[in-house]
Amino acid sequence: MLLIQNGRVLDPASKTDAAMDVLLDGEIIKEIAAPGKFSSLKDAQVFDAKGLIVAPGFVDMHVHLREPGQESSETIETGTKSAARGGFTAVCCMPNTKPVHDNASITRFIMDK
C-alpha cells in the first residue's frame, strides 16, 4: 500500500480542493480522507506530498509527437515519456507527421509504438 500524505487533492468530478491523504492499494484508490486519519497504518509506504497537487491524470489534446517522419524533433517514446512525467495519462497527437497521420495504417503505427 502507498499512503500519499498532505497533498492538495484536486478532483473536479467530486468538486474537491483540499489538503487530504490518499491511500492506494496497487492501482486502486482505497480511500481519501482528512490528514492524519491513517496515522495508525503501519504497513504502508508513505509519500509526503506537502506543497504538491494530487489530481486525476491530465489529457493533452495538442501534442506534436512528429513520428513518423520527423524523429529528429520528437519521437512517440520521448513525447509520451515527457507527458507522463508531467502528469499526463493521455495525449492526442497532431497530424503533422510525414506521411500525414490521416489513415488507419498510420494510426496503428502510432498506437503500436
PDB file of N, CA and C in Angstrom:
ATOM      1  N   MET A   1       0.844  -1.182   0.000  1.00  0.00           N
ATOM      2  CA  MET A   1       0.000   0.000   0.000  1.00  0.00           C
ATOM      3  C   MET A   1       0.886   1.240   0.000  1.00  0.00           C
ATOM      4  N   LEU A   2       0.347   2.302  -0.597  1.00  0.00           N
ATOM      5  CA  LEU A   2       1.032   3.588  -0.638  1.00  0.00           C
ATOM      6  C   LEU A   2       0.111   4.627  -0.050  1.00  0.00           C
ATOM      7  N   LEU A   3       0.642   5.404   0.888  1.00  0.00           N
ATOM      8  CA  LEU A   3      -0.110   6.490   1.503  1.00  0.00           C
ATOM      9  C   LEU A   3       0.497   7.809   1.038  1.00  0.00           C
ATOM     10  N   ILE A   4      -0.277   8.582   0.307  1.00  0.00           N
ATOM     11  CA  ILE A   4       0.144   9.914  -0.124  1.00  0.00           C
ATOM     12  C   ILE A   4      -0.428  10.890   0.898  1.00  0.00           C
ATOM     13  N   GLN A   5       0.459  11.518   1.653  1.00  0.00           N
ATOM     14  CA  GLN A   5       0.022  12.391   2.749  1.00  0.00           C
ATOM     15  C   GLN A   5       0.193  13.861   2.396  1.00  0.00           C
ATOM     16  N   ASN A   6      -0.696  14.670   2.942  1.00  0.00           N
ATOM     17  CA  ASN A   6      -0.568  16.136   2.961  1.00  0.00           C
ATOM     18  C   ASN A   6      -0.634  16.805   1.598  1.00  0.00           C
ATOM     19  N   GLY A   7      -1.078  16.109   0.568  1.00  0.00           N
ATOM     20  CA  GLY A   7      -1.169  16.727  -0.750  1.00  0.00           C
ATOM     21  C   GLY A   7      -2.453  17.520  -0.899  1.00  0.00           C
ATOM     22  N   ARG A   8      -2.424  18.477  -1.816  1.00  0.00           N
ATOM     23  CA  ARG A   8      -3.637  19.224  -2.153  1.00  0.00           C
ATOM     24  C   ARG A   8      -4.371  18.402  -3.202  1.00  0.00           C
ATOM     25  N   VAL A   9      -5.477  17.805  -2.811  1.00  0.00           N
ATOM     26  CA  VAL A   9      -6.246  16.955  -3.710  1.00  0.00           C
ATOM     27  C   VAL A   9      -7.198  17.831  -4.519  1.00  0.00           C
ATOM     28  N   LEU A  10      -7.030  17.769  -5.844  1.00  0.00           N
ATOM     29  CA  LEU A  10      -7.915  18.476  -6.765  1.00  0.00           C
ATOM     30  C   LEU A  10      -8.646  17.432  -7.597  1.00  0.00           C
ATOM     31  N   ASP A  11      -9.950  17.380  -7.459  1.00  0.00           N
ATOM     32  CA  ASP A  11     -10.761  16.429  -8.223  1.00  0.00           C
ATOM     33  C   ASP A  11     -12.021  17.128  -8.704  1.00  0.00           C
ATOM     34  N   PRO A  12     -12.018  17.556  -9.972  1.00  0.00           N
ATOM     35  CA  PRO A  12     -13.196  18.259 -10.491  1.00  0.00           C
ATOM     36  C   PRO A  12     -14.480  17.428 -10.413  1.00  0.00           C
ATOM     37  N   ALA A  13     -14.394  16.115 -10.558  1.00  0.00           N
ATOM     38  CA  ALA A  13     -15.594  15.269 -10.541  1.00  0.00           C
ATOM     39  C   ALA A  13     -16.330  15.351  -9.209  1.00  0.00           C
ATOM     40  N   SER A  14     -15.578  15.421  -8.119  1.00  0.00           N
ATOM     41  CA  SER A  14     -16.212  15.495  -6.796  1.00  0.00           C
ATOM     42  C   SER A  14     -16.162  16.903  -6.208  1.00  0.00           C
ATOM     43  N   LYS A  15     -15.651  17.855  -7.001  1.00  0.00           N
ATOM     44  CA  LYS A  15     -15.507  19.251  -6.561  1.00  0.00           C
ATOM     45  C   LYS A  15     -14.647  19.359  -5.296  1.00  0.00           C
ATOM     46  N   THR A  16     -13.603  18.523  -5.227  1.00  0.00           N
ATOM     47  CA  THR A  16     -12.696  18.510  -4.083  1.00  0.00           C
ATOM     48  C   THR A  16     -11.502  19.405  -4.355  1.00  0.00           C
ATOM     49  N   ASP A  17     -11.170  20.244  -3.390  1.00  0.00           N
ATOM     50  CA  ASP A  17      -9.963  21.075  -3.406  1.00  0.00           C
ATOM     51  C   ASP A  17      -9.570  21.268  -1.944  1.00  0.00           C
ATOM     52  N   ALA A  18      -8.782  20.328  -1.428  1.00  0.00           N
ATOM     53  CA  ALA A  18      -8.438  20.368  -0.006  1.00  0.00           C
ATOM     54  C   ALA A  18      -7.187  19.551   0.265  1.00  0.00           C
ATOM     55  N   ALA A  19      -6.522  19.867   1.371  1.00  0.00           N
ATOM     56  CA  ALA A  19      -5.386  19.051   1.816  1.00  0.00           C
ATOM     57  C   ALA A  19      -5.959  17.741   2.345  1.00  0.00           C
ATOM     58  N   MET A  20      -5.496  16.622   1.752  1.00  0.00           N
ATOM     59  CA  MET A  20      -6.033  15.323   2.133  1.00  0.00           C
ATOM     60  C   MET A  20      -4.958  14.265   1.998  1.00  0.00           C
ATOM     61  N   ASP A  21      -5.234  13.094   2.554  1.00  0.00           N
ATOM     62  CA  ASP A  21      -4.378  11.927   2.400  1.00  0.00           C
ATOM     63  C   ASP A  21      -5.088  10.944   1.471  1.00  0.00           C
ATOM     64  N   VAL A  22      -4.306  10.265   0.642  1.00  0.00           N
ATOM     65  CA  VAL A  22      -4.862   9.303  -0.306  1.00  0.00           C
ATOM     66  C   VAL A  22      -4.180   7.962  -0.068  1.00  0.00           C
ATOM     67  N   LEU A  23      -4.976   6.928   0.169  1.00  0.00           N
ATOM     68  CA  LEU A  23      -4.462   5.582   0.392  1.00  0.00           C
ATOM     69  C   LEU A  23      -4.685   4.755  -0.867  1.00  0.00           C
ATOM     70  N   LEU A  24      -3.577   4.230  -1.426  1.00  0.00           N
ATOM     71  CA  LEU A  24      -3.631   3.413  -2.632  1.00  0.00           C
ATOM     72  C   LEU A  24      -3.288   1.971  -2.298  1.00  0.00           C
ATOM     73  N   ASP A  25      -4.012   1.058  -2.942  1.00  0.00           N
ATOM     74  CA  ASP A  25      -3.696  -0.362  -2.862  1.00  0.00           C
ATOM     75  C   ASP A  25      -3.411  -0.798  -4.297  1.00  0.00           C
ATOM     76  N   GLY A  26      -2.143  -0.840  -4.658  1.00  0.00           N
ATOM     77  CA  GLY A  26      -1.773  -1.072  -6.045  1.00  0.00           C
ATOM     78  C   GLY A  26      -2.195   0.124  -6.875  1.00  0.00           C
ATOM     79  N   GLU A  27      -3.022  -0.126  -7.868  1.00  0.00           N
ATOM     80  CA  GLU A  27      -3.507   0.941  -8.739  1.00  0.00           C
ATOM     81  C   GLU A  27      -4.889   1.448  -8.320  1.00  0.00           C
ATOM     82  N   ILE A  28      -5.387   0.957  -7.201  1.00  0.00           N
ATOM     83  CA  ILE A  28      -6.739   1.293  -6.747  1.00  0.00           C
ATOM     84  C   ILE A  28      -6.681   2.309  -5.600  1.00  0.00           C
ATOM     85  N   ILE A  29      -7.489   3.369  -5.711  1.00  0.00           N
ATOM     86  CA  ILE A  29      -7.640   4.312  -4.596  1.00  0.00           C
ATOM     87  C   ILE A  29      -8.575   3.663  -3.594  1.00  0.00           C
ATOM     88  N   LYS A  30      -8.016   3.321  -2.425  1.00  0.00           N
ATOM     89  CA  LYS A  30      -8.841   2.681  -1.379  1.00  0.00           C
ATOM     90  C   LYS A  30      -9.674   3.706  -0.641  1.00  0.00           C
ATOM     91  N   GLU A  31      -9.026   4.840  -0.300  1.00  0.00           N
ATOM     92  CA  GLU A  31      -9.741   5.844   0.493  1.00  0.00           C
ATOM     93  C   GLU A  31      -9.028   7.187   0.399  1.00  0.00           C
ATOM     94  N   ILE A  32      -9.826   8.247   0.465  1.00  0.00           N
ATOM     95  CA  ILE A  32      -9.316   9.610   0.548  1.00  0.00           C
ATOM     96  C   ILE A  32      -9.900  10.180   1.828  1.00  0.00           C
ATOM     97  N   ALA A  33      -9.030  10.745   2.673  1.00  0.00           N
ATOM     98  CA  ALA A  33      -9.506  11.209   3.976  1.00  0.00           C
ATOM     99  C   ALA A  33      -8.739  12.440   4.426  1.00  0.00           C
ATOM    100  N   ALA A  34      -9.247  13.051   5.474  1.00  0.00           N
ATOM    101  CA  ALA A  34      -8.576  14.205   6.074  1.00  0.00           C
ATOM    102  C   ALA A  34      -7.196  13.791   6.571  1.00  0.00           C
ATOM    103  N   PRO A  35      -6.233  14.709   6.556  1.00  0.00           N
ATOM    104  CA  PRO A  35      -4.884  14.373   7.021  1.00  0.00           C
ATOM    105  C   PRO A  35      -4.897  13.788   8.437  1.00  0.00           C
ATOM    106  N   GLY A  36      -4.111  12.735   8.620  1.00  0.00           N
ATOM    107  CA  GLY A  36      -3.970  12.116   9.929  1.00  0.00           C
ATOM    108  C   GLY A  36      -4.841  10.905  10.164  1.00  0.00           C
ATOM    109  N   LYS A  37      -5.853  10.674   9.337  1.00  0.00           N
ATOM    110  CA  LYS A  37      -6.757   9.541   9.567  1.00  0.00           C
ATOM    111  C   LYS A  37      -6.018   8.211   9.515  1.00  0.00           C
ATOM    112  N   PHE A  38      -4.990   8.115   8.693  1.00  0.00           N
ATOM    113  CA  PHE A  38      -4.279   6.849   8.513  1.00  0.00           C
ATOM    114  C   PHE A  38      -3.024   6.762   9.386  1.00  0.00           C
ATOM    115  N   SER A  39      -2.931   7.555  10.438  1.00  0.00           N
ATOM    116  CA  SER A  39      -1.716   7.592  11.257  1.00  0.00           C
ATOM    117  C   SER A  39      -1.400   6.258  11.931  1.00  0.00           C
ATOM    118  N   SER A  40      -2.414   5.424  12.154  1.00  0.00           N
ATOM    119  CA  SER A  40      -2.166   4.128  12.802  1.00  0.00           C
ATOM    120  C   SER A  40      -1.755   3.048  11.795  1.00  0.00           C
ATOM    121  N   LEU A  41      -1.793   3.355  10.524  1.00  0.00           N
ATOM    122  CA  LEU A  41      -1.425   2.400   9.487  1.00  0.00           C
ATOM    123  C   LEU A  41       0.078   2.164   9.518  1.00  0.00           C
ATOM    124  N   LYS A  42       0.487   0.912   9.675  1.00  0.00           N
ATOM    125  CA  LYS A  42       1.905   0.591   9.843  1.00  0.00           C
ATOM    126  C   LYS A  42       2.569   0.044   8.579  1.00  0.00           C
ATOM    127  N   ASP A  43       1.802  -0.639   7.732  1.00  0.00           N
ATOM    128  CA  ASP A  43       2.414  -1.368   6.627  1.00  0.00           C
ATOM    129  C   ASP A  43       2.433  -0.618   5.288  1.00  0.00           C
ATOM    130  N   ALA A  44       2.096   0.650   5.278  1.00  0.00           N
ATOM    131  CA  ALA A  44       2.066   1.401   4.021  1.00  0.00           C
ATOM    132  C   ALA A  44       3.358   2.186   3.814  1.00  0.00           C
ATOM    133  N   GLN A  45       3.784   2.252   2.565  1.00  0.00           N
ATOM    134  CA  GLN A  45       4.879   3.155   2.191  1.00  0.00           C
ATOM    135  C   GLN A  45       4.276   4.559   2.182  1.00  0.00           C
ATOM    136  N   VAL A  46       5.007   5.542   2.701  1.00  0.00           N
ATOM    137  CA  VAL A  46       4.472   6.896   2.826  1.00  0.00           C
ATOM    138  C   VAL A  46       5.211   7.839   1.888  1.00  0.00           C
ATOM    139  N   PHE A  47       4.427   8.653   1.165  1.00  0.00           N
ATOM    140  CA  PHE A  47       4.980   9.703   0.321  1.00  0.00           C
ATOM    141  C   PHE A  47       4.413  11.019   0.814  1.00  0.00           C
ATOM    142  N   ASP A  48       5.286  11.947   1.223  1.00  0.00           N
ATOM    143  CA  ASP A  48       4.847  13.250   1.709  1.00  0.00           C
ATOM    144  C   ASP A  48       4.668  14.181   0.508  1.00  0.00           C
ATOM    145  N   ALA A  49       3.432  14.541   0.225  1.00  0.00           N
ATOM    146  CA  ALA A  49       3.111  15.384  -0.924  1.00  0.00           C
ATOM    147  C   ALA A  49       2.844  16.829  -0.525  1.00  0.00           C
ATOM    148  N   LYS A  50       3.375  17.249   0.623  1.00  0.00           N
ATOM    149  CA  LYS A  50       3.176  18.626   1.076  1.00  0.00           C
ATOM    150  C   LYS A  50       3.700  19.583   0.007  1.00  0.00           C
ATOM    151  N   GLY A  51       2.880  20.545  -0.368  1.00  0.00           N
ATOM    152  CA  GLY A  51       3.245  21.504  -1.399  1.00  0.00           C
ATOM    153  C   GLY A  51       3.006  21.006  -2.814  1.00  0.00           C
ATOM    154  N   LEU A  52       2.477  19.776  -2.949  1.00  0.00           N
ATOM    155  CA  LEU A  52       2.227  19.192  -4.264  1.00  0.00           C
ATOM    156  C   LEU A  52       0.731  19.015  -4.493  1.00  0.00           C
ATOM    157  N   ILE A  53       0.362  18.882  -5.761  1.00  0.00           N
ATOM    158  CA  ILE A  53      -1.029  18.654  -6.131  1.00  0.00           C
ATOM    159  C   ILE A  53      -1.221  17.170  -6.456  1.00  0.00           C
ATOM    160  N   VAL A  54      -2.278  16.593  -5.917  1.00  0.00           N
ATOM    161  CA  VAL A  54      -2.667  15.212  -6.208  1.00  0.00           C
ATOM    162  C   VAL A  54      -3.975  15.309  -7.001  1.00  0.00           C
ATOM    163  N   ALA A  55      -3.937  14.837  -8.258  1.00  0.00           N
ATOM    164  CA  ALA A  55      -5.094  15.016  -9.134  1.00  0.00           C
ATOM    165  C   ALA A  55      -5.223  13.828 -10.076  1.00  0.00           C
ATOM    166  N   PRO A  56      -6.399  13.689 -10.698  1.00  0.00           N
ATOM    167  CA  PRO A  56      -6.528  12.680 -11.750  1.00  0.00           C
ATOM    168  C   PRO A  56      -5.551  13.004 -12.877  1.00  0.00           C
ATOM    169  N   GLY A  57      -5.207  12.016 -13.687  1.00  0.00           N
ATOM    170  CA  GLY A  57      -4.288  12.249 -14.799  1.00  0.00           C
ATOM    171  C   GLY A  57      -4.831  13.285 -15.762  1.00  0.00           C
ATOM    172  N   PHE A  58      -3.927  14.070 -16.324  1.00  0.00           N
ATOM    173  CA  PHE A  58      -4.305  15.105 -17.277  1.00  0.00           C
ATOM    174  C   PHE A  58      -4.316  14.546 -18.696  1.00  0.00           C
ATOM    175  N   VAL A  59      -5.071  15.200 -19.594  1.00  0.00           N
ATOM    176  CA  VAL A  59      -5.128  14.833 -21.007  1.00  0.00           C
ATOM    177  C   VAL A  59      -4.646  16.039 -21.811  1.00  0.00           C
ATOM    178  N   ASP A  60      -3.649  15.831 -22.677  1.00  0.00           N
ATOM    179  CA  ASP A  60      -3.144  16.895 -23.550  1.00  0.00           C
ATOM    180  C   ASP A  60      -3.713  16.661 -24.944  1.00  0.00           C
ATOM    181  N   MET A  61      -4.564  17.563 -25.389  1.00  0.00           N
ATOM    182  CA  MET A  61      -5.248  17.421 -26.669  1.00  0.00           C
ATOM    183  C   MET A  61      -4.449  17.958 -27.857  1.00  0.00           C
ATOM    184  N   HIS A  62      -3.233  18.481 -27.615  1.00  0.00           N
ATOM    185  CA  HIS A  62      -2.465  19.120 -28.696  1.00  0.00           C
ATOM    186  C   HIS A  62      -0.989  18.767 -28.544  1.00  0.00           C
ATOM    187  N   VAL A  63      -0.611  17.602 -29.041  1.00  0.00           N
ATOM    188  CA  VAL A  63       0.746  17.102 -28.878  1.00  0.00           C
ATOM    189  C   VAL A  63       1.401  16.920 -30.246  1.00  0.00           C
ATOM    190  N   HIS A  64       2.646  17.355 -30.358  1.00  0.00           N
ATOM    191  CA  HIS A  64       3.425  17.202 -31.590  1.00  0.00           C
ATOM    192  C   HIS A  64       4.447  16.086 -31.387  1.00  0.00           C
ATOM    193  N   LEU A  65       4.055  14.848 -31.679  1.00  0.00           N
ATOM    194  CA  LEU A  65       4.969  13.721 -31.496  1.00  0.00           C
ATOM    195  C   LEU A  65       5.918  13.553 -32.680  1.00  0.00           C
ATOM    196  N   ARG A  66       5.562  14.078 -33.840  1.00  0.00           N
ATOM    197  CA  ARG A  66       6.415  14.156 -35.041  1.00  0.00           C
ATOM    198  C   ARG A  66       6.783  12.829 -35.683  1.00  0.00           C
ATOM    199  N   GLU A  67       6.440  11.717 -35.060  1.00  0.00           N
ATOM    200  CA  GLU A  67       6.782  10.421 -35.655  1.00  0.00           C
ATOM    201  C   GLU A  67       5.514   9.817 -36.248  1.00  0.00           C
ATOM    202  N   PRO A  68       5.544   9.364 -37.469  1.00  0.00           N
ATOM    203  CA  PRO A  68       6.702   9.089 -38.315  1.00  0.00           C
ATOM    204  C   PRO A  68       7.145  10.314 -39.130  1.00  0.00           C
ATOM    205  N   GLY A  69       8.411  10.294 -39.515  1.00  0.00           N
ATOM    206  CA  GLY A  69       8.934  11.242 -40.477  1.00  0.00           C
ATOM    207  C   GLY A  69       9.807  12.353 -39.967  1.00  0.00           C
ATOM    208  N   GLN A  70       9.617  12.771 -38.710  1.00  0.00           N
ATOM    209  CA  GLN A  70      10.402  13.881 -38.171  1.00  0.00           C
ATOM    210  C   GLN A  70      10.982  13.521 -36.795  1.00  0.00           C
ATOM    211  N   GLU A  71      11.518  12.319 -36.706  1.00  0.00           N
ATOM    212  CA  GLU A  71      12.015  11.800 -35.425  1.00  0.00           C
ATOM    213  C   GLU A  71      13.162  12.618 -34.846  1.00  0.00           C
ATOM    214  N   SER A  72      13.819  13.443 -35.657  1.00  0.00           N
ATOM    215  CA  SER A  72      14.903  14.276 -35.114  1.00  0.00           C
ATOM    216  C   SER A  72      14.349  15.366 -34.195  1.00  0.00           C
ATOM    217  N   SER A  73      13.066  15.694 -34.328  1.00  0.00           N
ATOM    218  CA  SER A  73      12.438  16.699 -33.465  1.00  0.00           C
ATOM    219  C   SER A  73      11.795  16.087 -32.227  1.00  0.00           C
ATOM    220  N   GLU A  74      11.146  14.929 -32.401  1.00  0.00           N
ATOM    221  CA  GLU A  74      10.436  14.266 -31.301  1.00  0.00           C
ATOM    222  C   GLU A  74      10.081  12.868 -31.778  1.00  0.00           C
ATOM    223  N   THR A  75      10.007  11.932 -30.837  1.00  0.00           N
ATOM    224  CA  THR A  75       9.508  10.599 -31.162  1.00  0.00           C
ATOM    225  C   THR A  75       8.313  10.303 -30.277  1.00  0.00           C
ATOM    226  N   ILE A  76       7.597   9.264 -30.622  1.00  0.00           N
ATOM    227  CA  ILE A  76       6.467   8.863 -29.787  1.00  0.00           C
ATOM    228  C   ILE A  76       6.955   8.521 -28.387  1.00  0.00           C
ATOM    229  N   GLU A  77       8.084   7.831 -28.301  1.00  0.00           N
ATOM    230  CA  GLU A  77       8.624   7.449 -26.998  1.00  0.00           C
ATOM    231  C   GLU A  77       9.020   8.663 -26.165  1.00  0.00           C
ATOM    232  N   THR A  78       9.793   9.577 -26.733  1.00  0.00           N
ATOM    233  CA  THR A  78      10.245  10.730 -25.929  1.00  0.00           C
ATOM    234  C   THR A  78       9.079  11.644 -25.570  1.00  0.00           C
ATOM    235  N   GLY A  79       8.141  11.813 -26.496  1.00  0.00           N
ATOM    236  CA  GLY A  79       6.996  12.678 -26.221  1.00  0.00           C
ATOM    237  C   GLY A  79       6.071  12.130 -25.158  1.00  0.00           C
ATOM    238  N   THR A  80       5.800  10.831 -25.219  1.00  0.00           N
ATOM    239  CA  THR A  80       4.897  10.245 -24.220  1.00  0.00           C
ATOM    240  C   THR A  80       5.571  10.105 -22.858  1.00  0.00           C
ATOM    241  N   LYS A  81       6.879   9.857 -22.849  1.00  0.00           N
ATOM    242  CA  LYS A  81       7.593   9.818 -21.556  1.00  0.00           C
ATOM    243  C   LYS A  81       7.584  11.192 -20.901  1.00  0.00           C
ATOM    244  N   SER A  82       7.795  12.235 -21.691  1.00  0.00           N
ATOM    245  CA  SER A  82       7.744  13.604 -21.154  1.00  0.00           C
ATOM    246  C   SER A  82       6.353  13.929 -20.624  1.00  0.00           C
ATOM    247  N   ALA A  83       5.337  13.527 -21.364  1.00  0.00           N
ATOM    248  CA  ALA A  83       3.960  13.765 -20.933  1.00  0.00           C
ATOM    249  C   ALA A  83       3.684  13.068 -19.595  1.00  0.00           C
ATOM    250  N   ALA A  84       4.104  11.817 -19.485  1.00  0.00           N
ATOM    251  CA  ALA A  84       3.878  11.055 -18.248  1.00  0.00           C
ATOM    252  C   ALA A  84       4.569  11.715 -17.058  1.00  0.00           C
ATOM    253  N   ARG A  85       5.781  12.213 -17.256  1.00  0.00           N
ATOM    254  CA  ARG A  85       6.491  12.883 -16.148  1.00  0.00           C
ATOM    255  C   ARG A  85       5.773  14.152 -15.702  1.00  0.00           C
ATOM    256  N   GLY A  86       5.000  14.742 -16.603  1.00  0.00           N
ATOM    257  CA  GLY A  86       4.253  15.947 -16.271  1.00  0.00           C
ATOM    258  C   GLY A  86       2.845  15.680 -15.760  1.00  0.00           C
ATOM    259  N   GLY A  87       2.476  14.409 -15.587  1.00  0.00           N
ATOM    260  CA  GLY A  87       1.168  14.077 -15.038  1.00  0.00           C
ATOM    261  C   GLY A  87       0.098  13.790 -16.073  1.00  0.00           C
ATOM    262  N   PHE A  88       0.491  13.700 -17.334  1.00  0.00           N
ATOM    263  CA  PHE A  88      -0.475  13.420 -18.387  1.00  0.00           C
ATOM    264  C   PHE A  88      -0.592  11.913 -18.586  1.00  0.00           C
ATOM    265  N   THR A  89      -1.826  11.419 -18.566  1.00  0.00           N
ATOM    266  CA  THR A  89      -2.063   9.989 -18.749  1.00  0.00           C
ATOM    267  C   THR A  89      -2.598   9.679 -20.135  1.00  0.00           C
ATOM    268  N   ALA A  90      -2.910  10.710 -20.909  1.00  0.00           N
ATOM    269  CA  ALA A  90      -3.362  10.526 -22.289  1.00  0.00           C
ATOM    270  C   ALA A  90      -2.931  11.723 -23.121  1.00  0.00           C
ATOM    271  N   VAL A  91      -2.564  11.453 -24.365  1.00  0.00           N
ATOM    272  CA  VAL A  91      -2.207  12.520 -25.292  1.00  0.00           C
ATOM    273  C   VAL A  91      -2.886  12.263 -26.627  1.00  0.00           C
ATOM    274  N   CYS A  92      -3.177  13.325 -27.356  1.00  0.00           N
ATOM    275  CA  CYS A  92      -3.744  13.238 -28.697  1.00  0.00           C
ATOM    276  C   CYS A  92      -2.775  13.936 -29.636  1.00  0.00           C
ATOM    277  N   CYS A  93      -2.159  13.162 -30.511  1.00  0.00           N
ATOM    278  CA  CYS A  93      -1.114  13.733 -31.359  1.00  0.00           C
ATOM    279  C   CYS A  93      -1.698  14.414 -32.593  1.00  0.00           C
ATOM    280  N   MET A  94      -1.060  15.516 -32.957  1.00  0.00           N
ATOM    281  CA  MET A  94      -1.447  16.285 -34.138  1.00  0.00           C
ATOM    282  C   MET A  94      -1.006  15.531 -35.403  1.00  0.00           C
ATOM    283  N   PRO A  95      -1.668  15.786 -36.530  1.00  0.00           N
ATOM    284  CA  PRO A  95      -1.336  15.079 -37.765  1.00  0.00           C
ATOM    285  C   PRO A  95      -0.202  15.738 -38.559  1.00  0.00           C
ATOM    286  N   ASN A  96       0.778  16.300 -37.858  1.00  0.00           N
ATOM    287  CA  ASN A  96       1.890  16.962 -38.550  1.00  0.00           C
ATOM    288  C   ASN A  96       3.079  16.011 -38.672  1.00  0.00           C
ATOM    289  N   THR A  97       2.811  14.849 -39.240  1.00  0.00           N
ATOM    290  CA  THR A  97       3.823  13.823 -39.446  1.00  0.00           C
ATOM    291  C   THR A  97       4.066  13.671 -40.947  1.00  0.00           C
ATOM    292  N   LYS A  98       5.088  12.936 -41.279  1.00  0.00           N
ATOM    293  CA  LYS A  98       5.386  12.671 -42.695  1.00  0.00           C
ATOM    294  C   LYS A  98       5.522  11.165 -42.879  1.00  0.00           C
ATOM    295  N   PRO A  99       4.542  10.474 -43.405  1.00  0.00           N
ATOM    296  CA  PRO A  99       3.320  10.979 -44.016  1.00  0.00           C
ATOM    297  C   PRO A  99       2.326  11.486 -42.969  1.00  0.00           C
ATOM    298  N   VAL A 100       1.385  12.298 -43.426  1.00  0.00           N
ATOM    299  CA  VAL A 100       0.381  12.884 -42.527  1.00  0.00           C
ATOM    300  C   VAL A 100      -0.430  11.768 -41.876  1.00  0.00           C
ATOM    301  N   HIS A 101      -0.716  11.953 -40.619  1.00  0.00           N
ATOM    302  CA  HIS A 101      -1.499  10.988 -39.837  1.00  0.00           C
ATOM    303  C   HIS A 101      -2.970  11.166 -40.216  1.00  0.00           C
ATOM    304  N   ASP A 102      -3.340  10.542 -41.331  1.00  0.00           N
ATOM    305  CA  ASP A 102      -4.710  10.701 -41.819  1.00  0.00           C
ATOM    306  C   ASP A 102      -5.337   9.386 -42.295  1.00  0.00           C
ATOM    307  N   ASN A 103      -4.754   8.262 -41.862  1.00  0.00           N
ATOM    308  CA  ASN A 103      -5.351   6.988 -42.258  1.00  0.00           C
ATOM    309  C   ASN A 103      -5.076   5.920 -41.197  1.00  0.00           C
ATOM    310  N   ALA A 104      -5.766   4.825 -41.307  1.00  0.00           N
ATOM    311  CA  ALA A 104      -5.722   3.779 -40.280  1.00  0.00           C
ATOM    312  C   ALA A 104      -4.331   3.169 -40.112  1.00  0.00           C
ATOM    313  N   SER A 105      -3.570   3.041 -41.183  1.00  0.00           N
ATOM    314  CA  SER A 105      -2.252   2.408 -41.050  1.00  0.00           C
ATOM    315  C   SER A 105      -1.295   3.279 -40.223  1.00  0.00           C
ATOM    316  N   ILE A 106      -1.353   4.582 -40.392  1.00  0.00           N
ATOM    317  CA  ILE A 106      -0.515   5.483 -39.584  1.00  0.00           C
ATOM    318  C   ILE A 106      -0.995   5.454 -38.125  1.00  0.00           C
ATOM    319  N   THR A 107      -2.294   5.437 -37.921  1.00  0.00           N
ATOM    320  CA  THR A 107      -2.824   5.360 -36.557  1.00  0.00           C
ATOM    321  C   THR A 107      -2.364   4.075 -35.869  1.00  0.00           C
ATOM    322  N   ARG A 108      -2.417   2.959 -36.582  1.00  0.00           N
ATOM    323  CA  ARG A 108      -1.942   1.686 -35.996  1.00  0.00           C
ATOM    324  C   ARG A 108      -0.474   1.782 -35.640  1.00  0.00           C
ATOM    325  N   PHE A 109       0.338   2.380 -36.526  1.00  0.00           N
ATOM    326  CA  PHE A 109       1.767   2.557 -36.259  1.00  0.00           C
ATOM    327  C   PHE A 109       1.979   3.328 -34.956  1.00  0.00           C
ATOM    328  N   ILE A 110       1.261   4.427 -34.801  1.00  0.00           N
ATOM    329  CA  ILE A 110       1.401   5.267 -33.590  1.00  0.00           C
ATOM    330  C   ILE A 110       0.928   4.506 -32.358  1.00  0.00           C
ATOM    331  N   MET A 111      -0.207   3.838 -32.448  1.00  0.00           N
ATOM    332  CA  MET A 111      -0.760   3.114 -31.304  1.00  0.00           C
ATOM    333  C   MET A 111       0.119   1.939 -30.892  1.00  0.00           C
ATOM    334  N   ASP A 112       0.795   1.306 -31.839  1.00  0.00           N
ATOM    335  CA  ASP A 112       1.629   0.154 -31.537  1.00  0.00           C
ATOM    336  C   ASP A 112       2.999   0.534 -30.968  1.00  0.00           C
ATOM    337  N   LYS A 113       3.388   1.778 -31.069  1.00  0.00           N
ATOM    338  CA  LYS A 113       4.693   2.220 -30.552  1.00  0.00           C
ATOM    339  C   LYS A 113       4.639   2.188 -29.077  1.00  0.00           C
TER     340      LYS A 113
END
